[in-house]
Amino acid sequence: MVVDATNVYWTTSGSPVDGGPPNGTVMKLALAGGPPVALASNQDGAYNIAIDATNVYWSNFPNDNVSIGALMTVPIAGGAPVALVPANSYGIAVDATTIYWTDFKSGVVEKLTPK
C-alpha cells in the first residue's frame, strides 16, 4: 500500500484458482472518502506497488511457477494498463527516471530507464 497527497493505492493478488481467469486488481481510494476505484482489473497476481506523480506501478506475478510476469503501469487518473517489461519481481521502487525491482529468482536488483 502507498499513499500520496490525495489517495491511497493497493493491489489485490487475485491469482487464478482452479484454472480460472486472473482477477487481481490495482485500486485507489481518495483520502477524503468515497468509493474505491479499480485502476486495473483482471491482473494475474498483482503484487507490490509504487507511484510517482502520474502513474501507478505494480508487478504481475503468476502463481503457476511457469509463467513470467510483468512490471505494469497505469495512469493515476485511469486508463489502460501497460506491460513495461517481462519480470517476476519483488519490491518495486521508482524515482524521476527509473523503475527498480528485485528479480524473484536471482535476487538481483534490476532497473528500467526511462520508465
C-alpha atoms as a PDB file:
ATOM      1  CA  MET A   1       0.000   0.000   0.000  1.00  0.00           C
ATOM      2  CA  VAL A   2       1.227   3.515  -0.810  1.00  0.00           C
ATOM      3  CA  VAL A   3      -0.193   6.965  -0.164  1.00  0.00           C
ATOM      4  CA  ASP A   4       0.178  10.322  -1.910  1.00  0.00           C
ATOM      5  CA  ALA A   5      -1.365  13.689  -1.026  1.00  0.00           C
ATOM      6  CA  THR A   6      -4.849  12.696  -2.214  1.00  0.00           C
ATOM      7  CA  ASN A   7      -5.177   8.887  -2.487  1.00  0.00           C
ATOM      8  CA  VAL A   8      -4.204   5.540  -1.035  1.00  0.00           C
ATOM      9  CA  TYR A   9      -3.296   2.769  -3.552  1.00  0.00           C
ATOM     10  CA  TRP A  10      -3.138  -1.020  -3.124  1.00  0.00           C
ATOM     11  CA  THR A  11      -3.215  -4.309  -5.011  1.00  0.00           C
ATOM     12  CA  THR A  12      -5.192  -7.490  -4.543  1.00  0.00           C
ATOM     13  CA  SER A  13      -3.267 -10.525  -5.736  1.00  0.00           C
ATOM     14  CA  GLY A  14      -6.138 -12.347  -7.392  1.00  0.00           C
ATOM     15  CA  SER A  15      -4.140 -15.332  -8.601  1.00  0.00           C
ATOM     16  CA  PRO A  16      -6.398 -17.642 -10.595  1.00  0.00           C
ATOM     17  CA  VAL A  17      -7.868 -20.579  -8.714  1.00  0.00           C
ATOM     18  CA  ASP A  18      -8.520 -23.898 -10.435  1.00  0.00           C
ATOM     19  CA  GLY A  19      -7.665 -22.514 -13.871  1.00  0.00           C
ATOM     20  CA  GLY A  20      -9.985 -19.536 -13.565  1.00  0.00           C
ATOM     21  CA  PRO A  21      -9.258 -16.128 -15.076  1.00  0.00           C
ATOM     22  CA  PRO A  22      -6.875 -13.649 -13.446  1.00  0.00           C
ATOM     23  CA  ASN A  23      -8.787 -11.454 -11.032  1.00  0.00           C
ATOM     24  CA  GLY A  24      -6.211  -9.243  -9.297  1.00  0.00           C
ATOM     25  CA  THR A  25      -6.825  -5.513  -9.082  1.00  0.00           C
ATOM     26  CA  VAL A  26      -4.993  -2.244  -8.592  1.00  0.00           C
ATOM     27  CA  MET A  27      -7.139   0.079  -6.514  1.00  0.00           C
ATOM     28  CA  LYS A  28      -7.210   3.657  -5.260  1.00  0.00           C
ATOM     29  CA  LEU A  29      -9.306   5.428  -2.661  1.00  0.00           C
ATOM     30  CA  ALA A  30      -9.483   9.170  -2.107  1.00  0.00           C
ATOM     31  CA  LEU A  31      -8.245  10.180   1.342  1.00  0.00           C
ATOM     32  CA  ALA A  32     -11.290  12.471   1.532  1.00  0.00           C
ATOM     33  CA  GLY A  33     -13.538   9.401   1.244  1.00  0.00           C
ATOM     34  CA  GLY A  34     -15.807   7.946  -1.388  1.00  0.00           C
ATOM     35  CA  PRO A  35     -15.905   4.617  -3.155  1.00  0.00           C
ATOM     36  CA  PRO A  36     -12.732   2.713  -4.111  1.00  0.00           C
ATOM     37  CA  VAL A  37     -11.776   2.905  -7.799  1.00  0.00           C
ATOM     38  CA  ALA A  38     -10.302  -0.015  -9.753  1.00  0.00           C
ATOM     39  CA  LEU A  39      -7.432   1.316 -11.892  1.00  0.00           C
ATOM     40  CA  ALA A  40      -6.654  -2.123 -13.350  1.00  0.00           C
ATOM     41  CA  SER A  41      -8.698  -5.323 -13.208  1.00  0.00           C
ATOM     42  CA  ASN A  42      -8.139  -8.917 -14.316  1.00  0.00           C
ATOM     43  CA  GLN A  43      -4.458  -8.803 -13.375  1.00  0.00           C
ATOM     44  CA  ASP A  44      -2.563 -12.079 -12.940  1.00  0.00           C
ATOM     45  CA  GLY A  45      -1.149 -11.986  -9.429  1.00  0.00           C
ATOM     46  CA  ALA A  46      -0.924  -8.212  -8.809  1.00  0.00           C
ATOM     47  CA  TYR A  47       1.690  -7.618  -6.102  1.00  0.00           C
ATOM     48  CA  ASN A  48       3.902  -4.784  -4.905  1.00  0.00           C
ATOM     49  CA  ILE A  49       3.051  -1.201  -5.733  1.00  0.00           C
ATOM     50  CA  ALA A  50       4.797   2.126  -6.262  1.00  0.00           C
ATOM     51  CA  ILE A  51       3.654   5.526  -7.506  1.00  0.00           C
ATOM     52  CA  ASP A  52       5.056   8.702  -8.951  1.00  0.00           C
ATOM     53  CA  ALA A  53       3.256  11.954  -9.754  1.00  0.00           C
ATOM     54  CA  THR A  54       1.370  10.497 -12.733  1.00  0.00           C
ATOM     55  CA  ASN A  55       1.448   6.681 -12.675  1.00  0.00           C
ATOM     56  CA  VAL A  56       0.932   3.600 -10.540  1.00  0.00           C
ATOM     57  CA  TYR A  57       3.363   0.676 -10.967  1.00  0.00           C
ATOM     58  CA  TRP A  58       2.971  -2.944  -9.837  1.00  0.00           C
ATOM     59  CA  SER A  59       4.182  -6.418 -10.643  1.00  0.00           C
ATOM     60  CA  ASN A  60       2.028  -9.165 -12.075  1.00  0.00           C
ATOM     61  CA  PHE A  61       3.407 -12.402 -10.704  1.00  0.00           C
ATOM     62  CA  PRO A  62       1.543 -15.500 -11.958  1.00  0.00           C
ATOM     63  CA  ASN A  63       1.106 -18.233  -9.393  1.00  0.00           C
ATOM     64  CA  ASP A  64       1.744 -21.158 -11.753  1.00  0.00           C
ATOM     65  CA  ASN A  65       5.534 -21.474 -11.247  1.00  0.00           C
ATOM     66  CA  VAL A  66       5.949 -21.424 -15.048  1.00  0.00           C
ATOM     67  CA  SER A  67       4.803 -18.101 -16.475  1.00  0.00           C
ATOM     68  CA  ILE A  68       6.848 -14.920 -16.480  1.00  0.00           C
ATOM     69  CA  GLY A  69       5.037 -11.935 -15.032  1.00  0.00           C
ATOM     70  CA  ALA A  70       5.442  -8.285 -15.941  1.00  0.00           C
ATOM     71  CA  LEU A  71       6.091  -4.881 -14.471  1.00  0.00           C
ATOM     72  CA  MET A  72       2.934  -2.927 -15.190  1.00  0.00           C
ATOM     73  CA  THR A  73       1.774   0.688 -15.129  1.00  0.00           C
ATOM     74  CA  VAL A  74      -1.446   2.663 -15.398  1.00  0.00           C
ATOM     75  CA  PRO A  75      -2.073   6.419 -15.099  1.00  0.00           C
ATOM     76  CA  ILE A  76      -3.261   7.563 -11.665  1.00  0.00           C
ATOM     77  CA  ALA A  77      -6.211   9.187 -13.452  1.00  0.00           C
ATOM     78  CA  GLY A  78      -7.114   5.813 -15.002  1.00  0.00           C
ATOM     79  CA  GLY A  79      -6.647   4.239 -18.411  1.00  0.00           C
ATOM     80  CA  ALA A  80      -5.382   1.052 -19.978  1.00  0.00           C
ATOM     81  CA  PRO A  81      -2.697  -0.904 -18.083  1.00  0.00           C
ATOM     82  CA  VAL A  82       0.602  -1.298 -19.951  1.00  0.00           C
ATOM     83  CA  ALA A  83       3.225  -4.035 -19.523  1.00  0.00           C
ATOM     84  CA  LEU A  84       6.650  -2.379 -19.295  1.00  0.00           C
ATOM     85  CA  VAL A  85       8.986  -5.377 -19.128  1.00  0.00           C
ATOM     86  CA  PRO A  86       8.667  -9.132 -18.504  1.00  0.00           C
ATOM     87  CA  ALA A  87       9.734  -9.874 -14.931  1.00  0.00           C
ATOM     88  CA  ASN A  88       8.886 -11.855 -11.831  1.00  0.00           C
ATOM     89  CA  SER A  89       9.687  -9.188  -9.317  1.00  0.00           C
ATOM     90  CA  TYR A  90       9.550  -8.328  -5.669  1.00  0.00           C
ATOM     91  CA  GLY A  91       9.910  -4.869  -4.239  1.00  0.00           C
ATOM     92  CA  ILE A  92       9.325  -2.025  -6.692  1.00  0.00           C
ATOM     93  CA  ALA A  93      10.677   1.495  -6.275  1.00  0.00           C
ATOM     94  CA  VAL A  94      10.564   4.478  -8.644  1.00  0.00           C
ATOM     95  CA  ASP A  95      12.355   7.788  -8.931  1.00  0.00           C
ATOM     96  CA  ALA A  96      12.083  10.545 -11.526  1.00  0.00           C
ATOM     97  CA  THR A  97      13.509   8.436 -14.370  1.00  0.00           C
ATOM     98  CA  THR A  98      13.804   4.789 -13.328  1.00  0.00           C
ATOM     99  CA  ILE A  99      11.883   1.794 -12.009  1.00  0.00           C
ATOM    100  CA  TYR A 100      13.842  -0.579  -9.750  1.00  0.00           C
ATOM    101  CA  TRP A 101      12.841  -4.109  -8.757  1.00  0.00           C
ATOM    102  CA  THR A 102      14.314  -7.260  -7.279  1.00  0.00           C
ATOM    103  CA  ASP A 103      14.268 -10.323  -9.534  1.00  0.00           C
ATOM    104  CA  PHE A 104      12.492 -13.181  -7.755  1.00  0.00           C
ATOM    105  CA  LYS A 105      14.870 -15.944  -8.864  1.00  0.00           C
ATOM    106  CA  SER A 106      18.270 -14.254  -8.831  1.00  0.00           C
ATOM    107  CA  GLY A 107      17.751 -11.695  -6.053  1.00  0.00           C
ATOM    108  CA  VAL A 108      19.452  -9.129  -8.306  1.00  0.00           C
ATOM    109  CA  VAL A 109      18.175  -5.551  -8.324  1.00  0.00           C
ATOM    110  CA  GLU A 110      17.283  -4.567 -11.869  1.00  0.00           C
ATOM    111  CA  LYS A 111      16.155  -1.287 -13.388  1.00  0.00           C
ATOM    112  CA  LEU A 112      14.317   0.174 -16.358  1.00  0.00           C
ATOM    113  CA  THR A 113      15.368   3.638 -17.559  1.00  0.00           C
ATOM    114  CA  PRO A 114      13.474   5.588 -18.777  1.00  0.00           C
ATOM    115  CA  LYS A 115      10.379   4.301 -17.083  1.00  0.00           C
END
